[in-house]
C-alpha atoms as a PDB file:
ATOM      1  CA  MET A   1     140.934 -41.369 -87.559  1.00  0.00           C
ATOM      2  CA  LYS A   2     140.506 -44.918 -86.416  1.00  0.00           C
ATOM      3  CA  THR A   3     143.608 -45.519 -84.315  1.00  0.00           C
ATOM      4  CA  GLY A   4     144.426 -43.614 -81.164  1.00  0.00           C
ATOM      5  CA  LYS A   5     143.690 -43.409 -77.457  1.00  0.00           C
ATOM      6  CA  ILE A   6     141.276 -41.509 -75.286  1.00  0.00           C
ATOM      7  CA  ILE A   7     143.334 -39.749 -72.621  1.00  0.00           C
ATOM      8  CA  ASP A   8     142.396 -37.725 -69.548  1.00  0.00           C
ATOM      9  CA  ILE A   9     143.814 -34.192 -69.480  1.00  0.00           C
ATOM     10  CA  GLU A  10     144.372 -32.737 -66.007  1.00  0.00           C
ATOM     11  CA  CYS A  11     145.661 -29.421 -64.743  1.00  0.00           C
ATOM     12  CA  ARG A  12     148.757 -29.403 -62.529  1.00  0.00           C
ATOM     13  CA  CYS A  13     146.442 -28.710 -59.575  1.00  0.00           C
ATOM     14  CA  GLY A  14     144.709 -32.070 -60.234  1.00  0.00           C
ATOM     15  CA  THR A  15     141.443 -30.773 -61.717  1.00  0.00           C
ATOM     16  CA  MET A  16     140.066 -32.909 -64.552  1.00  0.00           C
ATOM     17  CA  LEU A  17     139.764 -30.672 -67.647  1.00  0.00           C
ATOM     18  CA  PHE A  18     138.597 -32.915 -70.493  1.00  0.00           C
ATOM     19  CA  ARG A  19     138.931 -36.283 -72.224  1.00  0.00           C
ATOM     20  CA  TYR A  20     140.592 -36.179 -75.626  1.00  0.00           C
ATOM     21  CA  PHE A  21     141.022 -38.634 -78.512  1.00  0.00           C
ATOM     22  CA  LYS A  22     144.797 -38.534 -79.165  1.00  0.00           C
ATOM     23  CA  ALA A  23     145.910 -39.877 -82.526  1.00  0.00           C
ATOM     24  CA  GLY A  24     149.588 -40.430 -83.225  1.00  0.00           C
ATOM     25  CA  LYS A  25     152.675 -40.304 -81.065  1.00  0.00           C
ATOM     26  CA  GLY A  26     154.402 -37.505 -79.232  1.00  0.00           C
ATOM     27  CA  ARG A  27     153.478 -34.710 -76.869  1.00  0.00           C
ATOM     28  CA  LEU A  28     150.088 -33.071 -76.672  1.00  0.00           C
ATOM     29  CA  ILE A  29     150.556 -29.581 -78.130  1.00  0.00           C
ATOM     30  CA  LYS A  30     147.117 -28.710 -79.479  1.00  0.00           C
ATOM     31  CA  CYS A  31     143.667 -30.200 -78.947  1.00  0.00           C
ATOM     32  CA  MET A  32     141.172 -30.118 -81.789  1.00  0.00           C
ATOM     33  CA  ILE A  33     137.788 -29.198 -80.286  1.00  0.00           C
ATOM     34  CA  ASN A  34     135.902 -31.773 -82.391  1.00  0.00           C
ATOM     35  CA  ARG A  35     137.978 -34.616 -80.842  1.00  0.00           C
ATOM     36  CA  LEU A  36     136.897 -33.856 -77.252  1.00  0.00           C
ATOM     37  CA  THR A  37     134.834 -36.709 -75.859  1.00  0.00           C
ATOM     38  CA  GLU A  38     133.988 -35.033 -72.523  1.00  0.00           C
ATOM     39  CA  ASP A  39     134.431 -31.346 -71.766  1.00  0.00           C
ATOM     40  CA  PHE A  40     134.482 -30.128 -68.148  1.00  0.00           C
ATOM     41  CA  VAL A  41     135.804 -26.616 -68.937  1.00  0.00           C
ATOM     42  CA  GLY A  42     133.387 -25.431 -71.630  1.00  0.00           C
ATOM     43  CA  LEU A  43     135.680 -25.424 -74.656  1.00  0.00           C
ATOM     44  CA  LYS A  44     132.943 -26.478 -77.060  1.00  0.00           C
ATOM     45  CA  GLY A  45     131.290 -23.299 -78.288  1.00  0.00           C
ATOM     46  CA  ALA A  46     134.018 -20.973 -76.970  1.00  0.00           C
ATOM     47  CA  ALA A  47     134.951 -18.010 -79.145  1.00  0.00           C
ATOM     48  CA  THR A  48     138.115 -17.921 -81.243  1.00  0.00           C
ATOM     49  CA  PHE A  49     141.073 -16.249 -79.483  1.00  0.00           C
ATOM     50  CA  SER A  50     139.471 -16.760 -76.062  1.00  0.00           C
ATOM     51  CA  ARG A  51     141.696 -17.980 -73.251  1.00  0.00           C
ATOM     52  CA  PRO A  52     139.949 -20.642 -71.121  1.00  0.00           C
ATOM     53  CA  LEU A  53     140.876 -20.988 -67.444  1.00  0.00           C
ATOM     54  CA  CYS A  54     141.172 -23.990 -65.141  1.00  0.00           C
ATOM     55  CA  PRO A  55     138.050 -24.157 -62.944  1.00  0.00           C
ATOM     56  CA  GLY A  56     140.157 -25.301 -59.970  1.00  0.00           C
ATOM     57  CA  CYS A  57     143.095 -22.903 -59.800  1.00  0.00           C
ATOM     58  CA  GLY A  58     142.338 -20.252 -62.439  1.00  0.00           C
ATOM     59  CA  ARG A  59     145.435 -20.829 -64.579  1.00  0.00           C
ATOM     60  CA  GLU A  60     145.206 -20.090 -68.290  1.00  0.00           C
ATOM     61  CA  LEU A  61     145.036 -23.335 -70.310  1.00  0.00           C
ATOM     62  CA  GLY A  62     145.967 -21.819 -73.664  1.00  0.00           C
ATOM     63  CA  ILE A  63     144.310 -20.010 -76.545  1.00  0.00           C
ATOM     64  CA  ILE A  64     141.613 -21.181 -78.950  1.00  0.00           C
ATOM     65  CA  MET A  65     142.764 -20.727 -82.544  1.00  0.00           C
ATOM     66  CA  MET A  66     141.766 -21.870 -86.011  1.00  0.00           C
ATOM     67  CA  ILE A  67     144.223 -24.609 -87.083  1.00  0.00           C
ATOM     68  CA  HIS A  68     143.703 -26.301 -90.462  1.00  0.00           C
ATOM     69  CA  GLY A  69     140.273 -24.666 -90.672  1.00  0.00           C
ATOM     70  CA  GLN A  70     139.033 -26.122 -87.367  1.00  0.00           C
ATOM     71  CA  PRO A  71     138.962 -24.631 -83.849  1.00  0.00           C
ATOM     72  CA  ALA A  72     141.689 -25.998 -81.600  1.00  0.00           C
ATOM     73  CA  LEU A  73     143.095 -25.261 -78.145  1.00  0.00           C
ATOM     74  CA  LYS A  74     146.814 -24.414 -78.356  1.00  0.00           C
ATOM     75  CA  LEU A  75     147.976 -25.538 -74.911  1.00  0.00           C
ATOM     76  CA  ASN A  76     150.258 -23.802 -72.430  1.00  0.00           C
ATOM     77  CA  GLN A  77     152.670 -26.629 -71.601  1.00  0.00           C
ATOM     78  CA  GLY A  78     153.212 -25.467 -68.025  1.00  0.00           C
ATOM     79  CA  THR A  79     149.533 -25.692 -67.138  1.00  0.00           C
ATOM     80  CA  ILE A  80     148.666 -29.314 -67.857  1.00  0.00           C
ATOM     81  CA  LYS A  81     150.265 -32.469 -66.520  1.00  0.00           C
ATOM     82  CA  SER A  82     152.771 -33.723 -69.073  1.00  0.00           C
ATOM     83  CA  ILE A  83     151.319 -36.353 -71.385  1.00  0.00           C
ATOM     84  CA  ARG A  84     153.336 -38.231 -73.964  1.00  0.00           C
ATOM     85  CA  ILE A  85     152.260 -41.231 -76.004  1.00  0.00           C
END
């Protein structure tokens, strides 16, 4: 993917979670792990079906699943600040 933006993903409490290369338009629903540019939570190398937590407030960010043969974080929409491109 050549076109897109690098966006900062933050929890609702204001803690910086990671930077992500977002391709395409619309809401952020899932984050492919291989598109993370900076990871402050420890998603890279996390086990499938694990549920990472925000380091600031302890809220559950989502669940790591295999999507299209690659690990991805399926986000809980109430946990992160709303992002739409």
